[in-house]
PDB file of N, CA and C in Angstrom:
ATOM      1  N   MET A   1     177.349  79.426  97.777  1.00  0.00           N
ATOM      2  CA  MET A   1     176.237  79.205  96.879  1.00  0.00           C
ATOM      3  C   MET A   1     175.475  80.503  96.628  1.00  0.00           C
ATOM      4  N   ASN A   2     175.211  81.288  97.692  1.00  0.00           N
ATOM      5  CA  ASN A   2     174.469  82.530  97.551  1.00  0.00           C
ATOM      6  C   ASN A   2     175.211  83.542  96.680  1.00  0.00           C
ATOM      7  N   ARG A   3     176.539  83.509  96.709  1.00  0.00           N
ATOM      8  CA  ARG A   3     177.332  84.431  95.886  1.00  0.00           C
ATOM      9  C   ARG A   3     177.285  84.039  94.407  1.00  0.00           C
ATOM     10  N   ALA A   4     177.083  82.781  94.130  1.00  0.00           N
ATOM     11  CA  ALA A   4     177.052  82.310  92.745  1.00  0.00           C
ATOM     12  C   ALA A   4     175.796  82.758  92.015  1.00  0.00           C
ATOM     13  N   ILE A   5     174.690  82.912  92.713  1.00  0.00           N
ATOM     14  CA  ILE A   5     173.423  83.270  92.077  1.00  0.00           C
ATOM     15  C   ILE A   5     173.498  84.642  91.400  1.00  0.00           C
ATOM     16  N   PRO A   6     173.961  85.694  92.066  1.00  0.00           N
ATOM     17  CA  PRO A   6     174.050  86.987  91.370  1.00  0.00           C
ATOM     18  C   PRO A   6     174.988  86.924  90.156  1.00  0.00           C
ATOM     19  N   PHE A   7     176.060  86.176  90.285  1.00  0.00           N
ATOM     20  CA  PHE A   7     176.979  86.040  89.157  1.00  0.00           C
ATOM     21  C   PHE A   7     176.283  85.375  87.970  1.00  0.00           C
ATOM     22  N   LEU A   8     175.531  84.318  88.210  1.00  0.00           N
ATOM     23  CA  LEU A   8     174.820  83.622  87.136  1.00  0.00           C
ATOM     24  C   LEU A   8     173.751  84.505  86.500  1.00  0.00           C
ATOM     25  N   VAL A   9     173.053  85.267  87.330  1.00  0.00           N
ATOM     26  CA  VAL A   9     172.039  86.186  86.817  1.00  0.00           C
ATOM     27  C   VAL A   9     172.706  87.238  85.923  1.00  0.00           C
ATOM     28  N   ALA A  10     173.793  87.807  86.377  1.00  0.00           N
ATOM     29  CA  ALA A  10     174.505  88.824  85.599  1.00  0.00           C
ATOM     30  C   ALA A  10     175.023  88.244  84.283  1.00  0.00           C
ATOM     31  N   ALA A  11     175.572  87.054  84.326  1.00  0.00           N
ATOM     32  CA  ALA A  11     176.084  86.422  83.110  1.00  0.00           C
ATOM     33  C   ALA A  11     174.963  86.168  82.113  1.00  0.00           C
ATOM     34  N   THR A  12     173.818  85.736  82.597  1.00  0.00           N
ATOM     35  CA  THR A  12     172.673  85.494  81.723  1.00  0.00           C
ATOM     36  C   THR A  12     172.190  86.784  81.083  1.00  0.00           C
ATOM     37  N   LEU A  13     172.102  87.852  81.866  1.00  0.00           N
ATOM     38  CA  LEU A  13     171.675  89.136  81.328  1.00  0.00           C
ATOM     39  C   LEU A  13     172.650  89.664  80.286  1.00  0.00           C
ATOM     40  N   LEU A  14     173.926  89.535  80.545  1.00  0.00           N
ATOM     41  CA  LEU A  14     174.925  89.982  79.572  1.00  0.00           C
ATOM     42  C   LEU A  14     174.847  89.185  78.289  1.00  0.00           C
ATOM     43  N   ALA A  15     174.630  87.910  78.375  1.00  0.00           N
ATOM     44  CA  ALA A  15     174.503  87.079  77.175  1.00  0.00           C
ATOM     45  C   ALA A  15     173.294  87.508  76.362  1.00  0.00           C
ATOM     46  N   GLY A  16     172.196  87.803  77.030  1.00  0.00           N
ATOM     47  CA  GLY A  16     171.000  88.267  76.339  1.00  0.00           C
ATOM     48  C   GLY A  16     171.222  89.602  75.657  1.00  0.00           C
ATOM     49  N   CYS A  17     171.888  90.519  76.331  1.00  0.00           N
ATOM     50  CA  CYS A  17     172.185  91.824  75.742  1.00  0.00           C
ATOM     51  C   CYS A  17     173.116  91.682  74.555  1.00  0.00           C
ATOM     52  N   SER A  18     174.060  90.809  74.654  1.00  0.00           N
ATOM     53  CA  SER A  18     175.001  90.587  73.561  1.00  0.00           C
ATOM     54  C   SER A  18     174.282  90.081  72.321  1.00  0.00           C
ATOM     55  N   THR A  19     173.368  89.151  72.496  1.00  0.00           N
ATOM     56  CA  THR A  19     172.612  88.625  71.361  1.00  0.00           C
ATOM     57  C   THR A  19     171.739  89.708  70.758  1.00  0.00           C
ATOM     58  N   THR A  20     171.068  90.499  71.592  1.00  0.00           N
ATOM     59  CA  THR A  20     170.232  91.584  71.104  1.00  0.00           C
ATOM     60  C   THR A  20     171.075  92.603  70.355  1.00  0.00           C
ATOM     61  N   GLY A  21     172.232  92.945  70.890  1.00  0.00           N
ATOM     62  CA  GLY A  21     173.123  93.876  70.217  1.00  0.00           C
ATOM     63  C   GLY A  21     173.592  93.341  68.881  1.00  0.00           C
ATOM     64  N   ASN A  22     173.915  92.071  68.848  1.00  0.00           N
ATOM     65  CA  ASN A  22     174.332  91.455  67.593  1.00  0.00           C
ATOM     66  C   ASN A  22     173.217  91.501  66.569  1.00  0.00           C
ATOM     67  N   LEU A  23     171.975  91.286  67.005  1.00  0.00           N
ATOM     68  CA  LEU A  23     170.845  91.322  66.083  1.00  0.00           C
ATOM     69  C   LEU A  23     170.660  92.729  65.533  1.00  0.00           C
ATOM     70  N   GLY A  24     170.781  93.725  66.389  1.00  0.00           N
ATOM     71  CA  GLY A  24     170.650  95.102  65.924  1.00  0.00           C
ATOM     72  C   GLY A  24     171.708  95.459  64.899  1.00  0.00           C
ATOM     73  N   THR A  25     172.930  95.069  65.168  1.00  0.00           N
ATOM     74  CA  THR A  25     174.030  95.334  64.233  1.00  0.00           C
ATOM     75  C   THR A  25     173.822  94.580  62.924  1.00  0.00           C
ATOM     76  N   ALA A  26     173.442  93.314  63.027  1.00  0.00           N
ATOM     77  CA  ALA A  26     173.214  92.500  61.827  1.00  0.00           C
ATOM     78  C   ALA A  26     172.036  93.033  61.012  1.00  0.00           C
ATOM     79  N   ALA A  27     170.965  93.453  61.691  1.00  0.00           N
ATOM     80  CA  ALA A  27     169.792  93.990  60.997  1.00  0.00           C
ATOM     81  C   ALA A  27     170.140  95.287  60.276  1.00  0.00           C
ATOM     82  N   ASP A  28     170.930  96.143  60.915  1.00  0.00           N
ATOM     83  CA  ASP A  28     171.382  97.383  60.267  1.00  0.00           C
ATOM     84  C   ASP A  28     172.190  97.074  59.010  1.00  0.00           C
ATOM     85  N   ARG A  29     173.106  96.144  59.139  1.00  0.00           N
ATOM     86  CA  ARG A  29     173.968  95.785  58.008  1.00  0.00           C
ATOM     87  C   ARG A  29     173.149  95.201  56.862  1.00  0.00           C
ATOM     88  N   LEU A  30     172.183  94.352  57.187  1.00  0.00           N
ATOM     89  CA  LEU A  30     171.326  93.777  56.148  1.00  0.00           C
ATOM     90  C   LEU A  30     170.499  94.862  55.474  1.00  0.00           C
ATOM     91  N   ASP A  31     169.950  95.760  56.247  1.00  0.00           N
ATOM     92  CA  ASP A  31     169.157  96.861  55.700  1.00  0.00           C
ATOM     93  C   ASP A  31     170.003  97.703  54.750  1.00  0.00           C
ATOM     94  N   GLN A  32     171.194  98.054  55.185  1.00  0.00           N
ATOM     95  CA  GLN A  32     172.065  98.886  54.347  1.00  0.00           C
ATOM     96  C   GLN A  32     172.491  98.161  53.070  1.00  0.00           C
ATOM     97  N   SER A  33     172.865  96.896  53.192  1.00  0.00           N
ATOM     98  CA  SER A  33     173.340  96.176  52.001  1.00  0.00           C
ATOM     99  C   SER A  33     172.191  95.914  51.027  1.00  0.00           C
ATOM    100  N   ALA A  34     170.988  95.639  51.527  1.00  0.00           N
ATOM    101  CA  ALA A  34     169.837  95.415  50.641  1.00  0.00           C
ATOM    102  C   ALA A  34     169.479  96.700  49.897  1.00  0.00           C
ATOM    103  N   HIS A  35     169.522  97.822  50.591  1.00  0.00           N
ATOM    104  CA  HIS A  35     169.221  99.091  49.921  1.00  0.00           C
ATOM    105  C   HIS A  35     170.314  99.472  48.922  1.00  0.00           C
ATOM    106  N   ARG A  36     171.555  99.222  49.266  1.00  0.00           N
ATOM    107  CA  ARG A  36     172.648  99.504  48.340  1.00  0.00           C
ATOM    108  C   ARG A  36     172.494  98.655  47.075  1.00  0.00           C
ATOM    109  N   TYR A  37     172.168  97.374  47.260  1.00  0.00           N
ATOM    110  CA  TYR A  37     171.976  96.495  46.108  1.00  0.00           C
ATOM    111  C   TYR A  37     170.807  96.980  45.251  1.00  0.00           C
ATOM    112  N   TYR A  38     169.707  97.348  45.894  1.00  0.00           N
ATOM    113  CA  TYR A  38     168.554  97.837  45.147  1.00  0.00           C
ATOM    114  C   TYR A  38     168.929  99.070  44.317  1.00  0.00           C
ATOM    115  N   ARG A  39     169.637 100.013  44.916  1.00  0.00           N
ATOM    116  CA  ARG A  39     170.040 101.213  44.172  1.00  0.00           C
ATOM    117  C   ARG A  39     170.928 100.851  42.979  1.00  0.00           C
ATOM    118  N   GLU A  40     171.865  99.935  43.179  1.00  0.00           N
ATOM    119  CA  GLU A  40     172.743  99.533  42.077  1.00  0.00           C
ATOM    120  C   GLU A  40     171.955  98.903  40.938  1.00  0.00           C
ATOM    121  N   VAL A  41     171.007  98.048  41.278  1.00  0.00           N
ATOM    122  CA  VAL A  41     170.199  97.372  40.252  1.00  0.00           C
ATOM    123  C   VAL A  41     169.289  98.379  39.561  1.00  0.00           C
ATOM    124  N   ALA A  42     168.632  99.226  40.334  1.00  0.00           N
ATOM    125  CA  ALA A  42     167.681 100.190  39.767  1.00  0.00           C
ATOM    126  C   ALA A  42     168.378 101.208  38.873  1.00  0.00           C
ATOM    127  N   TYR A  43     169.509 101.741  39.322  1.00  0.00           N
ATOM    128  CA  TYR A  43     170.220 102.736  38.524  1.00  0.00           C
ATOM    129  C   TYR A  43     170.938 102.107  37.342  1.00  0.00           C
ATOM    130  N   GLY A  44     171.264 100.828  37.466  1.00  0.00           N
ATOM    131  CA  GLY A  44     171.874 100.119  36.343  1.00  0.00           C
ATOM    132  C   GLY A  44     170.840  99.585  35.374  1.00  0.00           C
ATOM    133  N   ARG A  45     169.579  99.891  35.660  1.00  0.00           N
ATOM    134  CA  ARG A  45     168.461  99.444  34.835  1.00  0.00           C
ATOM    135  C   ARG A  45     168.491  97.930  34.634  1.00  0.00           C
ATOM    136  N   GLY A  46     168.551  97.248  35.755  1.00  0.00           N
ATOM    137  CA  GLY A  46     168.533  95.790  35.738  1.00  0.00           C
ATOM    138  C   GLY A  46     167.195  95.269  35.260  1.00  0.00           C
ATOM    139  N   PRO A  47     167.102  93.967  35.054  1.00  0.00           N
ATOM    140  CA  PRO A  47     165.846  93.373  34.592  1.00  0.00           C
ATOM    141  C   PRO A  47     164.715  93.661  35.578  1.00  0.00           C
ATOM    142  N   ALA A  48     163.524  93.895  35.053  1.00  0.00           N
ATOM    143  CA  ALA A  48     162.369  94.263  35.879  1.00  0.00           C
ATOM    144  C   ALA A  48     162.109  93.289  37.029  1.00  0.00           C
ATOM    145  N   PRO A  49     162.164  91.955  36.806  1.00  0.00           N
ATOM    146  CA  PRO A  49     161.899  91.060  37.942  1.00  0.00           C
ATOM    147  C   PRO A  49     162.912  91.220  39.079  1.00  0.00           C
ATOM    148  N   ILE A  50     164.170  91.423  38.739  1.00  0.00           N
ATOM    149  CA  ILE A  50     165.189  91.612  39.776  1.00  0.00           C
ATOM    150  C   ILE A  50     164.990  92.957  40.463  1.00  0.00           C
ATOM    151  N   ASN A  51     164.663  93.996  39.698  1.00  0.00           N
ATOM    152  CA  ASN A  51     164.380  95.302  40.300  1.00  0.00           C
ATOM    153  C   ASN A  51     163.248  95.200  41.309  1.00  0.00           C
ATOM    154  N   GLN A  52     162.162  94.538  40.924  1.00  0.00           N
ATOM    155  CA  GLN A  52     161.006  94.413  41.810  1.00  0.00           C
ATOM    156  C   GLN A  52     161.351  93.618  43.064  1.00  0.00           C
ATOM    157  N   ASP A  53     162.038  92.485  42.882  1.00  0.00           N
ATOM    158  CA  ASP A  53     162.425  91.668  44.039  1.00  0.00           C
ATOM    159  C   ASP A  53     163.399  92.411  44.946  1.00  0.00           C
ATOM    160  N   ALA A  54     164.323  93.165  44.356  1.00  0.00           N
ATOM    161  CA  ALA A  54     165.285  93.939  45.153  1.00  0.00           C
ATOM    162  C   ALA A  54     164.560  95.022  45.947  1.00  0.00           C
ATOM    163  N   ALA A  55     163.569  95.655  45.341  1.00  0.00           N
ATOM    164  CA  ALA A  55     162.790  96.678  46.039  1.00  0.00           C
ATOM    165  C   ALA A  55     162.012  96.065  47.200  1.00  0.00           C
ATOM    166  N   GLU A  56     161.425  94.900  46.977  1.00  0.00           N
ATOM    167  CA  GLU A  56     160.649  94.236  48.029  1.00  0.00           C
ATOM    168  C   GLU A  56     161.551  93.771  49.176  1.00  0.00           C
ATOM    169  N   LEU A  57     162.747  93.289  48.851  1.00  0.00           N
ATOM    170  CA  LEU A  57     163.683  92.899  49.905  1.00  0.00           C
ATOM    171  C   LEU A  57     164.119  94.127  50.701  1.00  0.00           C
ATOM    172  N   ALA A  58     164.427  95.208  50.020  1.00  0.00           N
ATOM    173  CA  ALA A  58     164.853  96.431  50.715  1.00  0.00           C
ATOM    174  C   ALA A  58     163.751  96.920  51.658  1.00  0.00           C
ATOM    175  N   GLU A  59     162.509  96.869  51.216  1.00  0.00           N
ATOM    176  CA  GLU A  59     161.394  97.288  52.069  1.00  0.00           C
ATOM    177  C   GLU A  59     161.255  96.352  53.277  1.00  0.00           C
ATOM    178  N   ALA A  60     161.372  95.049  53.042  1.00  0.00           N
ATOM    179  CA  ALA A  60     161.257  94.075  54.130  1.00  0.00           C
ATOM    180  C   ALA A  60     162.382  94.238  55.146  1.00  0.00           C
ATOM    181  N   THR A  61     163.612  94.494  54.660  1.00  0.00           N
ATOM    182  CA  THR A  61     164.730  94.663  55.601  1.00  0.00           C
ATOM    183  C   THR A  61     164.568  95.940  56.415  1.00  0.00           C
ATOM    184  N   ARG A  62     164.024  96.977  55.801  1.00  0.00           N
ATOM    185  CA  ARG A  62     163.789  98.239  56.532  1.00  0.00           C
ATOM    186  C   ARG A  62     162.767  98.003  57.648  1.00  0.00           C
ATOM    187  N   ASP A  63     161.673  97.291  57.315  1.00  0.00           N
ATOM    188  CA  ASP A  63     160.647  96.990  58.317  1.00  0.00           C
ATOM    189  C   ASP A  63     161.219  96.130  59.445  1.00  0.00           C
ATOM    190  N   PHE A  64     162.023  95.134  59.088  1.00  0.00           N
ATOM    191  CA  PHE A  64     162.620  94.264  60.083  1.00  0.00           C
ATOM    192  C   PHE A  64     163.570  95.050  60.990  1.00  0.00           C
ATOM    193  N   ASN A  65     164.383  95.892  60.404  1.00  0.00           N
ATOM    194  CA  ASN A  65     165.331  96.696  61.176  1.00  0.00           C
ATOM    195  C   ASN A  65     164.588  97.590  62.168  1.00  0.00           C
ATOM    196  N   ARG A  66     163.495  98.171  61.736  1.00  0.00           N
ATOM    197  CA  ARG A  66     162.688  99.004  62.640  1.00  0.00           C
ATOM    198  C   ARG A  66     162.073  98.162  63.749  1.00  0.00           C
ATOM    199  N   ALA A  67     161.637  96.953  63.408  1.00  0.00           N
ATOM    200  CA  ALA A  67     161.060  96.055  64.416  1.00  0.00           C
ATOM    201  C   ALA A  67     162.108  95.673  65.460  1.00  0.00           C
ATOM    202  N   VAL A  68     163.343  95.446  65.024  1.00  0.00           N
ATOM    203  CA  VAL A  68     164.433  95.116  65.953  1.00  0.00           C
ATOM    204  C   VAL A  68     164.681  96.287  66.897  1.00  0.00           C
ATOM    205  N   ASP A  69     164.543  97.506  66.395  1.00  0.00           N
ATOM    206  CA  ASP A  69     164.710  98.686  67.257  1.00  0.00           C
ATOM    207  C   ASP A  69     163.622  98.763  68.327  1.00  0.00           C
ATOM    208  N   ARG A  70     162.434  98.220  68.026  1.00  0.00           N
ATOM    209  CA  ARG A  70     161.309  98.287  68.967  1.00  0.00           C
ATOM    210  C   ARG A  70     161.296  97.160  69.986  1.00  0.00           C
ATOM    211  N   THR A  71     161.804  95.972  69.613  1.00  0.00           N
ATOM    212  CA  THR A  71     161.705  94.827  70.513  1.00  0.00           C
ATOM    213  C   THR A  71     162.884  93.881  70.319  1.00  0.00           C
ATOM    214  N   SER A  72     163.174  93.118  71.362  1.00  0.00           N
ATOM    215  CA  SER A  72     164.217  92.099  71.241  1.00  0.00           C
ATOM    216  C   SER A  72     163.603  90.699  71.315  1.00  0.00           C
ATOM    217  N   SER A  73     162.281  90.623  71.342  1.00  0.00           N
ATOM    218  CA  SER A  73     161.596  89.338  71.419  1.00  0.00           C
ATOM    219  C   SER A  73     161.647  88.628  70.063  1.00  0.00           C
ATOM    220  N   ARG A  74     162.307  87.492  70.038  1.00  0.00           N
ATOM    221  CA  ARG A  74     162.394  86.741  68.777  1.00  0.00           C
ATOM    222  C   ARG A  74     161.010  86.323  68.295  1.00  0.00           C
ATOM    223  N   ASP A  75     160.130  85.987  69.224  1.00  0.00           N
ATOM    224  CA  ASP A  75     158.774  85.597  68.837  1.00  0.00           C
ATOM    225  C   ASP A  75     158.060  86.745  68.119  1.00  0.00           C
ATOM    226  N   ALA A  76     158.234  87.959  68.626  1.00  0.00           N
ATOM    227  CA  ALA A  76     157.610  89.126  68.000  1.00  0.00           C
ATOM    228  C   ALA A  76     158.269  89.462  66.664  1.00  0.00           C
ATOM    229  N   LEU A  77     159.561  89.181  66.530  1.00  0.00           N
ATOM    230  CA  LEU A  77     160.303  89.499  65.308  1.00  0.00           C
ATOM    231  C   LEU A  77     160.146  88.442  64.219  1.00  0.00           C
ATOM    232  N   GLN A  78     159.742  87.246  64.581  1.00  0.00           N
ATOM    233  CA  GLN A  78     159.724  86.128  63.635  1.00  0.00           C
ATOM    234  C   GLN A  78     158.903  86.399  62.368  1.00  0.00           C
ATOM    235  N   PRO A  79     157.675  86.949  62.450  1.00  0.00           N
ATOM    236  CA  PRO A  79     156.931  87.206  61.208  1.00  0.00           C
ATOM    237  C   PRO A  79     157.664  88.169  60.274  1.00  0.00           C
ATOM    238  N   SER A  80     158.272  89.195  60.849  1.00  0.00           N
ATOM    239  CA  SER A  80     159.018  90.151  60.033  1.00  0.00           C
ATOM    240  C   SER A  80     160.250  89.489  59.416  1.00  0.00           C
ATOM    241  N   PHE A  81     160.932  88.666  60.197  1.00  0.00           N
ATOM    242  CA  PHE A  81     162.095  87.955  59.659  1.00  0.00           C
ATOM    243  C   PHE A  81     161.672  86.959  58.577  1.00  0.00           C
ATOM    244  N   ASP A  82     160.549  86.295  58.768  1.00  0.00           N
ATOM    245  CA  ASP A  82     160.063  85.351  57.753  1.00  0.00           C
ATOM    246  C   ASP A  82     159.805  86.067  56.426  1.00  0.00           C
ATOM    247  N   ARG A  83     159.293  87.282  56.495  1.00  0.00           N
ATOM    248  CA  ARG A  83     159.077  88.071  55.276  1.00  0.00           C
ATOM    249  C   ARG A  83     160.415  88.391  54.611  1.00  0.00           C
ATOM    250  N   VAL A  84     161.399  88.791  55.410  1.00  0.00           N
ATOM    251  CA  VAL A  84     162.742  89.063  54.870  1.00  0.00           C
ATOM    252  C   VAL A  84     163.294  87.800  54.220  1.00  0.00           C
ATOM    253  N   ALA A  85     163.185  86.677  54.915  1.00  0.00           N
ATOM    254  CA  ALA A  85     163.725  85.413  54.400  1.00  0.00           C
ATOM    255  C   ALA A  85     163.081  85.051  53.064  1.00  0.00           C
ATOM    256  N   GLY A  86     161.772  85.181  52.980  1.00  0.00           N
ATOM    257  CA  GLY A  86     161.078  84.865  51.727  1.00  0.00           C
ATOM    258  C   GLY A  86     161.547  85.757  50.586  1.00  0.00           C
ATOM    259  N   ARG A  87     161.625  87.050  50.845  1.00  0.00           N
ATOM    260  CA  ARG A  87     162.080  88.001  49.811  1.00  0.00           C
ATOM    261  C   ARG A  87     163.530  87.732  49.417  1.00  0.00           C
ATOM    262  N   TYR A  88     164.360  87.452  50.422  1.00  0.00           N
ATOM    263  CA  TYR A  88     165.774  87.193  50.148  1.00  0.00           C
ATOM    264  C   TYR A  88     165.915  85.968  49.228  1.00  0.00           C
ATOM    265  N   HIS A  89     165.229  84.886  49.557  1.00  0.00           N
ATOM    266  CA  HIS A  89     165.369  83.656  48.775  1.00  0.00           C
ATOM    267  C   HIS A  89     164.822  83.815  47.356  1.00  0.00           C
ATOM    268  N   GLU A  90     163.737  84.560  47.195  1.00  0.00           N
ATOM    269  CA  GLU A  90     163.216  84.830  45.848  1.00  0.00           C
ATOM    270  C   GLU A  90     164.246  85.592  45.017  1.00  0.00           C
ATOM    271  N   LEU A  91     164.806  86.638  45.611  1.00  0.00           N
ATOM    272  CA  LEU A  91     165.792  87.443  44.896  1.00  0.00           C
ATOM    273  C   LEU A  91     167.056  86.639  44.615  1.00  0.00           C
ATOM    274  N   ARG A  92     167.517  85.880  45.590  1.00  0.00           N
ATOM    275  CA  ARG A  92     168.715  85.072  45.397  1.00  0.00           C
ATOM    276  C   ARG A  92     168.542  84.107  44.221  1.00  0.00           C
ATOM    277  N   ASP A  93     167.379  83.477  44.133  1.00  0.00           N
ATOM    278  CA  ASP A  93     167.119  82.554  43.025  1.00  0.00           C
ATOM    279  C   ASP A  93     167.165  83.273  41.686  1.00  0.00           C
ATOM    280  N   ARG A  94     166.568  84.471  41.626  1.00  0.00           N
ATOM    281  CA  ARG A  94     166.603  85.234  40.357  1.00  0.00           C
ATOM    282  C   ARG A  94     168.034  85.640  39.998  1.00  0.00           C
ATOM    283  N   VAL A  95     168.779  86.096  40.982  1.00  0.00           N
ATOM    284  CA  VAL A  95     170.160  86.524  40.735  1.00  0.00           C
ATOM    285  C   VAL A  95     170.998  85.337  40.257  1.00  0.00           C
ATOM    286  N   GLU A  96     170.831  84.182  40.894  1.00  0.00           N
ATOM    287  CA  GLU A  96     171.598  82.997  40.489  1.00  0.00           C
ATOM    288  C   GLU A  96     171.248  82.570  39.070  1.00  0.00           C
ATOM    289  N   ARG A  97     169.964  82.593  38.718  1.00  0.00           N
ATOM    290  CA  ARG A  97     169.570  82.222  37.343  1.00  0.00           C
ATOM    291  C   ARG A  97     170.145  83.203  36.333  1.00  0.00           C
ATOM    292  N   ARG A  98     170.108  84.467  36.668  1.00  0.00           N
ATOM    293  CA  ARG A  98     170.646  85.491  35.760  1.00  0.00           C
ATOM    294  C   ARG A  98     172.156  85.328  35.616  1.00  0.00           C
ATOM    295  N   ASP A  99     172.853  85.109  36.724  1.00  0.00           N
ATOM    296  CA  ASP A  99     174.303  84.946  36.677  1.00  0.00           C
ATOM    297  C   ASP A  99     174.692  83.728  35.850  1.00  0.00           C
ATOM    298  N   GLU A 100     173.935  82.645  35.965  1.00  0.00           N
ATOM    299  CA  GLU A 100     174.221  81.444  35.176  1.00  0.00           C
ATOM    300  C   GLU A 100     174.020  81.714  33.690  1.00  0.00           C
ATOM    301  N   ARG A 101     172.971  82.468  33.374  1.00  0.00           N
ATOM    302  CA  ARG A 101     172.659  82.744  31.979  1.00  0.00           C
ATOM    303  C   ARG A 101     173.674  83.665  31.327  1.00  0.00           C
ATOM    304  N   TYR A 102     174.083  84.710  32.053  1.00  0.00           N
ATOM    305  CA  TYR A 102     174.940  85.727  31.459  1.00  0.00           C
ATOM    306  C   TYR A 102     176.378  85.684  31.939  1.00  0.00           C
ATOM    307  N   GLY A 103     176.688  84.776  32.834  1.00  0.00           N
ATOM    308  CA  GLY A 103     178.048  84.648  33.326  1.00  0.00           C
ATOM    309  C   GLY A 103     178.507  85.836  34.152  1.00  0.00           C
ATOM    310  N   GLU A 104     177.568  86.515  34.791  1.00  0.00           N
ATOM    311  CA  GLU A 104     177.903  87.685  35.594  1.00  0.00           C
ATOM    312  C   GLU A 104     177.944  87.313  37.066  1.00  0.00           C
ATOM    313  N   GLY A 105     178.854  87.922  37.782  1.00  0.00           N
ATOM    314  CA  GLY A 105     178.872  87.756  39.228  1.00  0.00           C
ATOM    315  C   GLY A 105     178.214  88.962  39.871  1.00  0.00           C
ATOM    316  N   SER A 106     177.642  88.793  41.012  1.00  0.00           N
ATOM    317  CA  SER A 106     176.995  89.903  41.687  1.00  0.00           C
ATOM    318  C   SER A 106     177.678  90.140  43.021  1.00  0.00           C
ATOM    319  N   TYR A 107     178.736  90.917  42.973  1.00  0.00           N
ATOM    320  CA  TYR A 107     179.535  91.186  44.169  1.00  0.00           C
ATOM    321  C   TYR A 107     178.688  91.832  45.258  1.00  0.00           C
ATOM    322  N   SER A 108     177.865  92.798  44.897  1.00  0.00           N
ATOM    323  CA  SER A 108     177.075  93.481  45.925  1.00  0.00           C
ATOM    324  C   SER A 108     175.997  92.573  46.497  1.00  0.00           C
ATOM    325  N   PHE A 109     175.494  91.614  45.709  1.00  0.00           N
ATOM    326  CA  PHE A 109     174.517  90.689  46.280  1.00  0.00           C
ATOM    327  C   PHE A 109     175.196  89.735  47.247  1.00  0.00           C
ATOM    328  N   ASP A 110     176.474  89.458  47.041  1.00  0.00           N
ATOM    329  CA  ASP A 110     177.216  88.648  48.010  1.00  0.00           C
ATOM    330  C   ASP A 110     177.224  89.326  49.383  1.00  0.00           C
ATOM    331  N   ARG A 111     177.277  90.642  49.393  1.00  0.00           N
ATOM    332  CA  ARG A 111     177.225  91.380  50.660  1.00  0.00           C
ATOM    333  C   ARG A 111     175.855  91.228  51.326  1.00  0.00           C
ATOM    334  N   VAL A 112     174.807  91.247  50.514  1.00  0.00           N
ATOM    335  CA  VAL A 112     173.455  91.028  51.042  1.00  0.00           C
ATOM    336  C   VAL A 112     173.386  89.634  51.664  1.00  0.00           C
ATOM    337  N   THR A 113     173.938  88.649  50.962  1.00  0.00           N
ATOM    338  CA  THR A 113     173.924  87.276  51.464  1.00  0.00           C
ATOM    339  C   THR A 113     174.668  87.163  52.784  1.00  0.00           C
ATOM    340  N   ASP A 114     175.842  87.753  52.872  1.00  0.00           N
ATOM    341  CA  ASP A 114     176.613  87.706  54.122  1.00  0.00           C
ATOM    342  C   ASP A 114     175.819  88.323  55.274  1.00  0.00           C
ATOM    343  N   ALA A 115     175.209  89.468  55.028  1.00  0.00           N
ATOM    344  CA  ALA A 115     174.434  90.137  56.073  1.00  0.00           C
ATOM    345  C   ALA A 115     173.191  89.327  56.433  1.00  0.00           C
ATOM    346  N   TYR A 116     172.526  88.755  55.439  1.00  0.00           N
ATOM    347  CA  TYR A 116     171.345  87.924  55.704  1.00  0.00           C
ATOM    348  C   TYR A 116     171.712  86.731  56.574  1.00  0.00           C
ATOM    349  N   LEU A 117     172.819  86.073  56.252  1.00  0.00           N
ATOM    350  CA  LEU A 117     173.238  84.906  57.026  1.00  0.00           C
ATOM    351  C   LEU A 117     173.564  85.273  58.468  1.00  0.00           C
ATOM    352  N   ASP A 118     174.114  86.470  58.684  1.00  0.00           N
ATOM    353  CA  ASP A 118     174.371  86.931  60.057  1.00  0.00           C
ATOM    354  C   ASP A 118     173.057  87.084  60.831  1.00  0.00           C
ATOM    355  N   VAL A 119     172.061  87.694  60.204  1.00  0.00           N
ATOM    356  CA  VAL A 119     170.767  87.857  60.863  1.00  0.00           C
ATOM    357  C   VAL A 119     170.136  86.494  61.127  1.00  0.00           C
ATOM    358  N   GLU A 120     170.208  85.628  60.150  1.00  0.00           N
ATOM    359  CA  GLU A 120     169.619  84.281  60.299  1.00  0.00           C
ATOM    360  C   GLU A 120     170.256  83.531  61.464  1.00  0.00           C
ATOM    361  N   ARG A 121     171.581  83.641  61.596  1.00  0.00           N
ATOM    362  CA  ARG A 121     172.274  82.971  62.717  1.00  0.00           C
ATOM    363  C   ARG A 121     171.795  83.504  64.051  1.00  0.00           C
ATOM    364  N   VAL A 122     171.692  84.815  64.176  1.00  0.00           N
ATOM    365  CA  VAL A 122     171.262  85.401  65.444  1.00  0.00           C
ATOM    366  C   VAL A 122     169.802  85.048  65.731  1.00  0.00           C
ATOM    367  N   MET A 123     168.957  85.092  64.716  1.00  0.00           N
ATOM    368  CA  MET A 123     167.536  84.773  64.925  1.00  0.00           C
ATOM    369  C   MET A 123     167.347  83.312  65.312  1.00  0.00           C
ATOM    370  N   ASN A 124     168.180  82.438  64.812  1.00  0.00           N
ATOM    371  CA  ASN A 124     168.042  81.014  65.112  1.00  0.00           C
ATOM    372  C   ASN A 124     168.817  80.586  66.348  1.00  0.00           C
ATOM    373  N   TYR A 125     169.599  81.490  66.921  1.00  0.00           N
ATOM    374  CA  TYR A 125     170.376  81.187  68.102  1.00  0.00           C
ATOM    375  C   TYR A 125     169.452  81.170  69.317  1.00  0.00           C
ATOM    376  N   ARG A 126     169.493  80.101  70.061  1.00  0.00           N
ATOM    377  CA  ARG A 126     168.645  80.003  71.274  1.00  0.00           C
ATOM    378  C   ARG A 126     169.524  79.828  72.477  1.00  0.00           C
TER     379      ARG A 126
END
């Protein structure tokens, strides 16, 4: 029994580190994909509402990524993630409406979505 306790403690610590590492990787990927999307929209002279929303999402992902570098506490990260989530959903809605209207697909926004969903999974994992 006494030998099992250190093993359980070590396993718990490794699981926690793995989740934190996954969050850092996911946050980096989201930050990079949001900024890449913003640059593509801005340089392509996309519609002003999408440009503004893309800029706000890129700023929110940068802040969130920096917060992840400072702490692994989900409680401390939640307000920053909530801001990212709000910006992401606003932009996603605009992109979907635009794509429906003009029949355009947004390949680079799909990358933002994939990265966002990875962060969301890690943040909601308990």
